[in-house]
Amino acid sequence: MRNIVKRLLNDWPVNQLLGFMPLQRLELLSLGAWPRLNPPTWYVALGYFNSLFNGMCVAAEFSFAFENTSNLQLILDSLCPAFTKMCIAIKLFFIVWRRNEFYKILKELSDYYMEMSVKDDIEFIKRLAVIAFKICFILTVFSEMTGVFFDVLPVSMNIYRILTGQETIAELPFRSIWPWKTSETPGYEITYLLLVYSSWLTSTANPGLDCTFMGICFHISTEFQSIKSRFIELGKEIDKRAPNWKVLNNEDNKYVYNEFKRIIEKHTATIELCETSQKLSQEMILIHFITSAMVICMNGVNLIIASGAAKSIYVCYIMTALIQAFVFCYGGDSLEQSSRELNTELYKISWHKLNGNGRRAVLMMIQRTQKTVGVAVPFFHVSMPTFANVRCFF
């Protein structure tokens, strides 16, 4: 099986094998949140409904916390999932509200992805696509496991009580207060199903939304890699046309200068795409890290004070939160690294063989690439050093 997969990865075009963000697209489509061209009204309504529904569950869970201020464990039990759902509700709202802007970005990246022809670029995006797929799959597994543990635990505890001759308790998957009685039939069953839907919604949106951001970063990194490849090829062409210490003639200088202009235009367009993506995602990233910080801290306390099967929930919960932080930081770091590599390649070009226009073009590109492109939100940069700071607390 491993040999078959390896052969597929080596022989098939990446767009036929993996498609464009396959897992992310599937997960967000099921929620009405994947940006589409002229989506039907029901699709947009589904996205807004899911955001509003999660917000309603957040209100119910916060109400429970305010009603039980004297019990720390109950407060943390309700606030941990409440903050996660609040983050998902806000991110879903933003991506549905700004669906046209996100669609333009994804369409541009998708078109470039499908039209890729340079072998080195294909290998680069193939490697990133496989990494993104694996990370998204792992995050999906941990996220869904966390949701399933929450959903199944009350039922499992009641089965245990029945087997041991104890009375069953009308316990919900998430501690919350609703306007109707949840301790009697059919209010209990209806509320339970609503919370199970909220659990699935949150568990599915977590990897879908976060890995879409990582996918955008990876695809923009590929565009920087493509620019880097063009610089390398142009440097080889300069040395080919003017070997040793010779200089280029007028015709060759004109050719090189025109190539530089095209590369500069591509570089400018890529930077603008990156800035647009950052502007659209800035609030979502900031909200995610603020809520994740609180969730990780509260889950750490819960893991200490919890007993029995509840511990497994918080282990999965913490792992999910850490993988989410890694997804954002790894995506931002890959973007920063790929933009930084451009500057290194520019210094290798035989600029002394060019005329004044060519040298000025090289100098301008060196100055432009000295400032690396990354993902910056208020107070911090989204990169692997940021993730290392999060990890050091553990």
Protein backbone atom coordinates (compact mmCIF):
# COMPACT_ATOMS: atom_id res chain seq x y z
CA MET A 1 0.00 0.00 0.00
CA ARG A 2 2.81 2.41 0.88
CA ASN A 3 4.47 1.79 -2.51
CA ILE A 4 1.17 2.46 -4.31
CA VAL A 5 0.68 5.75 -2.44
CA LYS A 6 4.30 6.73 -3.10
CA ARG A 7 3.89 6.01 -6.81
CA LEU A 8 0.71 8.06 -6.94
CA LEU A 9 2.44 10.99 -5.24
CA ASN A 10 5.34 10.79 -7.67
CA ASP A 11 3.46 10.17 -10.93
CA TRP A 12 0.11 11.94 -10.67
CA PRO A 13 -0.30 15.69 -11.05
CA VAL A 14 -0.99 17.15 -7.62
CA ASN A 15 -4.26 18.78 -8.74
CA GLN A 16 -5.64 15.35 -9.75
CA LEU A 17 -4.50 13.69 -6.53
CA LEU A 18 -5.44 16.10 -3.79
CA GLY A 19 -7.46 18.88 -5.38
CA PHE A 20 -7.57 22.34 -3.86
CA MET A 21 -7.87 22.16 -0.03
CA PRO A 22 -10.02 18.98 -0.16
CA LEU A 23 -10.72 18.42 3.55
CA GLN A 24 -11.23 22.10 4.32
CA ARG A 25 -13.59 22.48 1.38
CA LEU A 26 -15.66 19.44 2.39
CA GLU A 27 -15.94 20.54 6.03
CA LEU A 28 -16.88 24.14 5.28
CA LEU A 29 -19.31 23.18 2.51
CA SER A 30 -21.25 21.11 5.04
CA LEU A 31 -21.58 24.24 7.20
CA GLY A 32 -22.47 26.68 4.42
CA ALA A 33 -19.18 28.52 4.96
CA TRP A 34 -16.96 27.62 1.98
CA PRO A 35 -16.81 30.74 -0.24
CA ARG A 36 -18.61 30.14 -3.56
CA LEU A 37 -19.45 32.20 -6.63
CA ASN A 38 -23.07 33.41 -6.43
CA PRO A 39 -24.12 30.90 -3.74
CA PRO A 40 -27.85 30.14 -3.38
CA THR A 41 -29.73 31.96 -0.64
CA TRP A 42 -30.23 28.79 1.42
CA TYR A 43 -26.46 28.19 1.45
CA VAL A 44 -25.70 31.67 2.83
CA ALA A 45 -28.60 31.32 5.28
CA LEU A 46 -27.13 28.00 6.49
CA GLY A 47 -23.81 29.70 7.25
CA TYR A 48 -25.46 32.52 9.20
CA PHE A 49 -27.77 30.05 10.98
CA ASN A 50 -24.83 27.94 12.18
CA SER A 51 -23.08 31.05 13.48
CA LEU A 52 -26.24 32.24 15.26
CA PHE A 53 -26.98 28.76 16.61
CA ASN A 54 -23.53 28.45 18.15
CA GLY A 55 -23.95 31.93 19.62
CA MET A 56 -27.22 30.78 21.23
CA CYS A 57 -25.43 27.79 22.78
CA VAL A 58 -22.71 30.12 24.08
CA ALA A 59 -25.36 32.24 25.82
CA ALA A 60 -26.87 29.12 27.45
CA GLU A 61 -23.45 27.94 28.68
CA PHE A 62 -22.48 31.36 30.02
CA SER A 63 -25.83 31.48 31.85
CA PHE A 64 -24.95 28.21 33.57
CA ALA A 65 -21.57 29.62 34.65
CA PHE A 66 -23.19 32.74 36.13
CA GLU A 67 -25.73 30.60 38.00
CA ASN A 68 -22.98 28.46 39.58
CA THR A 69 -20.35 31.00 40.58
CA SER A 70 -19.64 29.16 43.84
CA ASN A 71 -18.43 25.96 42.12
CA LEU A 72 -15.14 26.32 40.22
CA GLN A 73 -15.37 22.97 38.43
CA LEU A 74 -18.87 23.68 37.11
CA ILE A 75 -17.80 27.14 35.93
CA LEU A 76 -14.82 25.73 34.03
CA ASP A 77 -16.89 22.85 32.63
CA SER A 78 -19.29 25.33 31.05
CA LEU A 79 -16.86 28.10 30.05
CA CYS A 80 -14.32 25.92 28.19
CA PRO A 81 -16.70 24.81 25.41
CA ALA A 82 -18.46 28.20 25.57
CA PHE A 83 -15.30 30.08 24.58
CA THR A 84 -14.55 27.58 21.81
CA LYS A 85 -18.08 27.89 20.40
CA MET A 86 -17.95 31.68 20.69
CA CYS A 87 -14.75 31.72 18.63
CA ILE A 88 -16.31 29.44 16.00
CA ALA A 89 -19.49 31.54 15.86
CA ILE A 90 -17.47 34.72 15.23
CA LYS A 91 -15.20 33.11 12.64
CA LEU A 92 -18.16 31.57 10.80
CA PHE A 93 -19.91 34.94 10.74
CA PHE A 94 -16.83 36.71 9.35
CA ILE A 95 -16.15 34.16 6.61
CA VAL A 96 -19.81 34.16 5.49
CA TRP A 97 -20.07 37.94 5.70
CA ARG A 98 -16.87 38.42 3.69
CA ARG A 99 -17.52 35.47 1.39
CA ASN A 100 -16.99 37.48 -1.82
CA GLU A 101 -13.54 38.72 -0.75
CA PHE A 102 -12.50 35.24 0.41
CA TYR A 103 -13.81 33.75 -2.83
CA LYS A 104 -11.61 36.09 -4.90
CA ILE A 105 -8.53 35.04 -2.93
CA LEU A 106 -9.31 31.32 -3.12
CA LYS A 107 -10.19 31.57 -6.83
CA GLU A 108 -6.89 33.27 -7.65
CA LEU A 109 -4.90 30.71 -5.67
CA SER A 110 -6.90 27.83 -7.14
CA ASP A 111 -6.34 29.04 -10.72
CA TYR A 112 -2.61 29.32 -10.14
CA TYR A 113 -2.61 25.90 -8.48
CA MET A 114 -4.35 24.22 -11.42
CA GLU A 115 -2.21 25.94 -14.07
CA MET A 116 1.13 25.17 -12.43
CA SER A 117 3.66 23.83 -14.94
CA VAL A 118 7.20 24.34 -13.55
CA LYS A 119 8.45 21.03 -12.13
CA ASP A 120 10.12 22.53 -9.02
CA ASP A 121 6.99 24.51 -8.19
CA ILE A 122 4.82 21.41 -8.60
CA GLU A 123 7.07 19.43 -6.26
CA PHE A 124 7.01 22.27 -3.72
CA ILE A 125 3.21 22.61 -3.68
CA LYS A 126 2.84 18.81 -3.72
CA ARG A 127 4.93 18.60 -0.56
CA LEU A 128 2.97 21.41 1.11
CA ALA A 129 -0.36 19.89 0.00
CA VAL A 130 0.52 16.56 1.60
CA ILE A 131 1.64 18.30 4.81
CA ALA A 132 -1.55 20.39 4.90
CA PHE A 133 -3.72 17.31 4.31
CA LYS A 134 -2.03 15.38 7.13
CA ILE A 135 -2.24 18.27 9.60
CA CYS A 136 -5.88 18.93 8.70
CA PHE A 137 -6.71 15.23 9.08
CA ILE A 138 -5.00 15.04 12.50
CA LEU A 139 -6.79 18.18 13.69
CA THR A 140 -10.09 16.78 12.39
CA VAL A 141 -9.56 13.52 14.30
CA PHE A 142 -8.75 15.25 17.61
CA SER A 143 -11.53 17.80 17.18
CA GLU A 144 -14.16 15.16 16.38
CA MET A 145 -12.90 12.92 19.21
CA THR A 146 -13.33 15.79 21.66
CA GLY A 147 -16.88 16.38 20.44
CA VAL A 148 -17.75 12.67 20.57
CA PHE A 149 -16.38 12.37 24.13
CA PHE A 150 -18.60 15.27 25.24
CA ASP A 151 -21.64 13.76 23.46
CA VAL A 152 -21.18 10.19 24.70
CA LEU A 153 -20.06 10.76 28.30
CA PRO A 154 -23.54 11.52 29.80
CA VAL A 155 -25.05 8.47 28.05
CA SER A 156 -22.16 6.26 29.16
CA MET A 157 -22.51 7.44 32.76
CA ASN A 158 -26.24 6.70 32.74
CA ILE A 159 -25.62 3.22 31.32
CA TYR A 160 -23.13 2.64 34.14
CA ARG A 161 -25.69 3.87 36.71
CA ILE A 162 -28.33 1.49 35.32
CA LEU A 163 -25.91 -1.45 35.46
CA THR A 164 -24.99 -0.63 39.07
CA GLY A 165 -28.60 -0.11 40.17
CA GLN A 166 -28.42 3.66 40.55
CA GLU A 167 -30.90 6.27 39.35
CA THR A 168 -30.19 7.92 36.01
CA ILE A 169 -29.53 11.67 35.79
CA ALA A 170 -30.79 13.95 33.02
CA GLU A 171 -27.31 15.26 32.26
CA LEU A 172 -26.54 17.22 29.07
CA PRO A 173 -23.32 16.99 27.00
CA PHE A 174 -22.54 20.63 27.85
CA ARG A 175 -23.51 22.38 31.05
CA SER A 176 -26.07 24.99 30.05
CA ILE A 177 -29.35 26.64 31.04
CA TRP A 178 -32.25 26.88 28.61
CA PRO A 179 -35.63 28.68 28.73
CA TRP A 180 -37.47 25.33 28.93
CA LYS A 181 -37.23 22.39 31.33
CA THR A 182 -34.36 20.11 30.32
CA SER A 183 -34.87 17.52 33.06
CA GLU A 184 -38.11 16.14 31.63
CA THR A 185 -39.21 14.48 28.39
CA PRO A 186 -39.26 15.69 25.61
CA GLY A 187 -37.28 18.81 26.60
CA TYR A 188 -34.27 16.74 27.63
CA GLU A 189 -34.08 14.77 24.37
CA ILE A 190 -34.57 17.86 22.19
CA THR A 191 -31.92 19.82 24.09
CA TYR A 192 -29.53 16.88 23.94
CA LEU A 193 -29.89 16.67 20.15
CA LEU A 194 -29.41 20.43 19.80
CA LEU A 195 -26.19 20.26 21.81
CA VAL A 196 -24.97 17.27 19.80
CA TYR A 197 -25.50 19.33 16.64
CA SER A 198 -23.60 22.22 18.23
CA SER A 199 -20.80 19.80 19.12
CA TRP A 200 -20.59 18.48 15.54
CA LEU A 201 -20.74 22.02 14.16
CA THR A 202 -17.85 23.15 16.37
CA SER A 203 -15.77 20.01 15.79
CA THR A 204 -16.17 20.33 12.02
CA ALA A 205 -15.63 24.08 11.80
CA ASN A 206 -12.44 23.95 13.88
CA PRO A 207 -10.24 22.17 11.28
CA GLY A 208 -12.16 23.58 8.32
CA LEU A 209 -11.66 27.25 9.21
CA ASP A 210 -8.16 27.02 10.67
CA CYS A 211 -6.70 24.80 7.96
CA THR A 212 -8.19 27.04 5.27
CA PHE A 213 -6.03 29.83 6.66
CA MET A 214 -3.02 27.51 6.62
CA GLY A 215 -3.85 26.48 3.04
CA ILE A 216 -3.98 30.12 1.92
CA CYS A 217 -0.56 30.72 3.52
CA PHE A 218 0.87 27.61 1.83
CA HIS A 219 -0.42 28.60 -1.60
CA ILE A 220 0.93 32.15 -1.28
CA SER A 221 4.24 30.59 -0.20
CA THR A 222 4.16 28.64 -3.46
CA GLU A 223 3.81 31.89 -5.39
CA PHE A 224 6.90 33.23 -3.61
CA GLN A 225 8.64 29.95 -4.47
CA SER A 226 7.66 30.46 -8.11
CA ILE A 227 9.17 33.97 -8.06
CA LYS A 228 12.31 32.52 -6.50
CA SER A 229 12.52 29.89 -9.27
CA ARG A 230 12.19 32.61 -11.90
CA PHE A 231 15.04 34.55 -10.29
CA ILE A 232 17.22 31.43 -10.33
CA GLU A 233 16.43 30.76 -13.99
CA LEU A 234 17.07 34.40 -14.89
CA GLY A 235 20.42 34.29 -13.09
CA LYS A 236 21.39 31.19 -15.09
CA GLU A 237 20.28 32.89 -18.31
CA ILE A 238 22.45 35.94 -17.53
CA ASP A 239 25.50 33.73 -16.94
CA LYS A 240 24.72 31.77 -20.11
CA ARG A 241 24.52 34.90 -22.27
CA ALA A 242 27.55 36.50 -20.65
CA PRO A 243 29.92 33.76 -19.40
CA ASN A 244 32.87 34.51 -17.12
CA TRP A 245 33.47 38.28 -16.77
CA LYS A 246 31.71 39.38 -19.92
CA VAL A 247 28.83 41.87 -19.81
CA LEU A 248 25.49 41.68 -21.59
CA ASN A 249 24.97 43.46 -24.89
CA ASN A 250 22.10 45.92 -25.41
CA GLU A 251 19.66 43.31 -26.70
CA ASP A 252 20.33 40.93 -23.81
CA ASN A 253 20.11 43.79 -21.30
CA LYS A 254 16.70 44.70 -22.68
CA TYR A 255 15.54 41.08 -22.42
CA VAL A 256 16.76 40.78 -18.81
CA TYR A 257 15.22 44.11 -17.83
CA ASN A 258 11.83 43.08 -19.25
CA GLU A 259 12.03 39.80 -17.35
CA PHE A 260 12.79 41.72 -14.17
CA LYS A 261 9.75 43.91 -14.76
CA ARG A 262 7.50 40.87 -15.12
CA ILE A 263 8.91 39.29 -11.97
CA ILE A 264 8.51 42.56 -10.03
CA GLU A 265 4.88 42.81 -11.17
CA LYS A 266 4.29 39.23 -10.01
CA HIS A 267 6.00 39.96 -6.68
CA THR A 268 3.86 43.08 -6.17
CA ALA A 269 0.67 41.15 -6.94
CA THR A 270 1.67 38.39 -4.48
CA ILE A 271 2.38 40.90 -1.71
CA GLU A 272 -0.99 42.57 -2.33
CA LEU A 273 -2.70 39.17 -2.17
CA CYS A 274 -0.93 38.43 1.10
CA GLU A 275 -1.93 41.80 2.58
CA THR A 276 -5.54 41.31 1.50
CA SER A 277 -5.62 37.84 3.10
CA GLN A 278 -4.11 39.21 6.30
CA LYS A 279 -6.58 42.08 6.43
CA LEU A 280 -9.54 39.71 6.03
CA SER A 281 -8.24 37.21 8.61
CA GLN A 282 -6.79 39.59 11.20
CA GLU A 283 -9.81 39.76 13.52
CA MET A 284 -10.42 36.02 13.32
CA ILE A 285 -6.80 35.19 14.19
CA LEU A 286 -6.73 37.63 17.12
CA ILE A 287 -10.03 36.31 18.50
CA HIS A 288 -8.81 32.74 18.06
CA PHE A 289 -5.60 33.25 20.05
CA ILE A 290 -7.38 35.19 22.82
CA THR A 291 -10.04 32.50 23.29
CA SER A 292 -7.53 29.66 22.84
CA ALA A 293 -5.33 31.09 25.60
CA MET A 294 -8.30 31.03 28.00
CA VAL A 295 -9.41 27.57 26.83
CA ILE A 296 -5.94 26.05 27.29
CA CYS A 297 -5.59 27.56 30.78
CA MET A 298 -9.05 26.42 31.90
CA ASN A 299 -8.55 22.96 30.43
CA GLY A 300 -5.26 22.66 32.29
CA VAL A 301 -7.09 23.31 35.57
CA ASN A 302 -9.91 20.94 34.54
CA LEU A 303 -7.40 18.20 33.80
CA ILE A 304 -6.07 18.51 37.34
CA ILE A 305 -9.40 18.54 39.18
CA ALA A 306 -11.34 16.14 36.89
CA SER A 307 -11.60 12.45 37.66
CA GLY A 308 -12.38 9.28 35.76
CA ALA A 309 -13.42 9.36 32.11
CA ALA A 310 -13.67 13.17 32.11
CA LYS A 311 -9.87 13.40 31.99
CA SER A 312 -9.80 11.93 28.48
CA ILE A 313 -12.03 14.79 27.28
CA TYR A 314 -9.63 17.44 28.51
CA VAL A 315 -6.57 15.66 27.13
CA CYS A 316 -8.17 15.67 23.65
CA TYR A 317 -9.36 19.24 24.19
CA ILE A 318 -5.87 20.53 25.03
CA MET A 319 -4.34 18.61 22.11
CA THR A 320 -6.92 20.12 19.75
CA ALA A 321 -6.23 23.65 21.01
CA LEU A 322 -2.46 23.18 20.65
CA ILE A 323 -2.78 21.75 17.13
CA GLN A 324 -4.96 24.73 16.19
CA ALA A 325 -2.27 27.12 17.44
CA PHE A 326 0.32 25.12 15.49
CA VAL A 327 -1.79 25.36 12.30
CA PHE A 328 -1.88 29.15 12.44
CA CYS A 329 1.78 29.52 13.44
CA TYR A 330 3.08 27.01 10.89
CA GLY A 331 1.12 28.68 8.09
CA GLY A 332 2.41 32.12 9.02
CA ASP A 333 5.96 30.83 9.40
CA SER A 334 5.99 29.16 5.96
CA LEU A 335 4.89 32.46 4.43
CA GLU A 336 7.64 34.35 6.22
CA GLN A 337 10.32 31.81 5.29
CA SER A 338 9.41 31.71 1.59
CA SER A 339 9.45 35.51 1.31
CA ARG A 340 12.80 35.68 3.13
CA GLU A 341 14.42 33.21 0.70
CA LEU A 342 13.85 35.64 -2.20
CA ASN A 343 16.36 38.06 -0.73
CA THR A 344 19.03 35.34 -0.53
CA GLU A 345 18.59 34.36 -4.19
CA LEU A 346 18.81 37.97 -5.40
CA TYR A 347 22.32 38.35 -4.00
CA LYS A 348 23.46 35.43 -6.19
CA ILE A 349 22.54 37.18 -9.47
CA SER A 350 25.52 38.44 -11.49
CA TRP A 351 24.37 42.07 -11.30
CA HIS A 352 27.78 43.36 -12.50
CA LYS A 353 26.98 42.00 -15.99
CA LEU A 354 23.92 44.26 -16.33
CA ASN A 355 23.60 47.85 -17.46
CA GLY A 356 22.29 50.68 -15.28
CA ASN A 357 18.61 49.78 -15.66
CA GLY A 358 19.22 46.15 -14.80
CA ARG A 359 21.31 47.03 -11.74
CA ARG A 360 18.64 49.42 -10.48
CA ALA A 361 16.01 46.69 -10.92
CA VAL A 362 18.13 44.25 -8.88
CA LEU A 363 18.75 46.87 -6.18
CA MET A 364 15.05 47.71 -5.98
CA MET A 365 14.13 44.03 -5.59
CA ILE A 366 16.79 43.56 -2.89
CA GLN A 367 15.31 46.49 -0.97
CA ARG A 368 11.75 45.21 -1.42
CA THR A 369 12.58 41.67 -0.27
CA GLN A 370 14.51 42.79 2.83
CA LYS A 371 11.15 43.26 4.55
CA THR A 372 9.73 39.77 4.93
CA VAL A 373 6.04 39.10 4.44
CA GLY A 374 4.25 37.44 7.33
CA VAL A 375 1.02 37.35 9.28
CA ALA A 376 0.89 40.10 11.88
CA VAL A 377 -2.01 40.78 14.21
CA PRO A 378 -2.10 43.26 17.11
CA PHE A 379 0.46 42.40 19.81
CA PHE A 380 2.29 39.55 18.00
CA HIS A 381 3.38 37.83 14.78
CA VAL A 382 1.88 34.46 13.86
CA SER A 383 5.00 32.29 13.49
CA MET A 384 6.70 29.25 14.99
CA PRO A 385 8.49 31.33 17.69
CA THR A 386 5.00 32.33 18.86
CA PHE A 387 3.99 28.66 19.03
CA ALA A 388 7.19 27.90 20.96
CA ASN A 389 6.13 30.49 23.54
CA VAL A 390 2.76 28.74 23.88
CA ARG A 391 4.38 25.31 24.12
CA CYS A 392 6.88 26.38 26.79
CA PHE A 393 4.03 26.65 29.33
CA PHE A 394 3.70 22.86 29.12
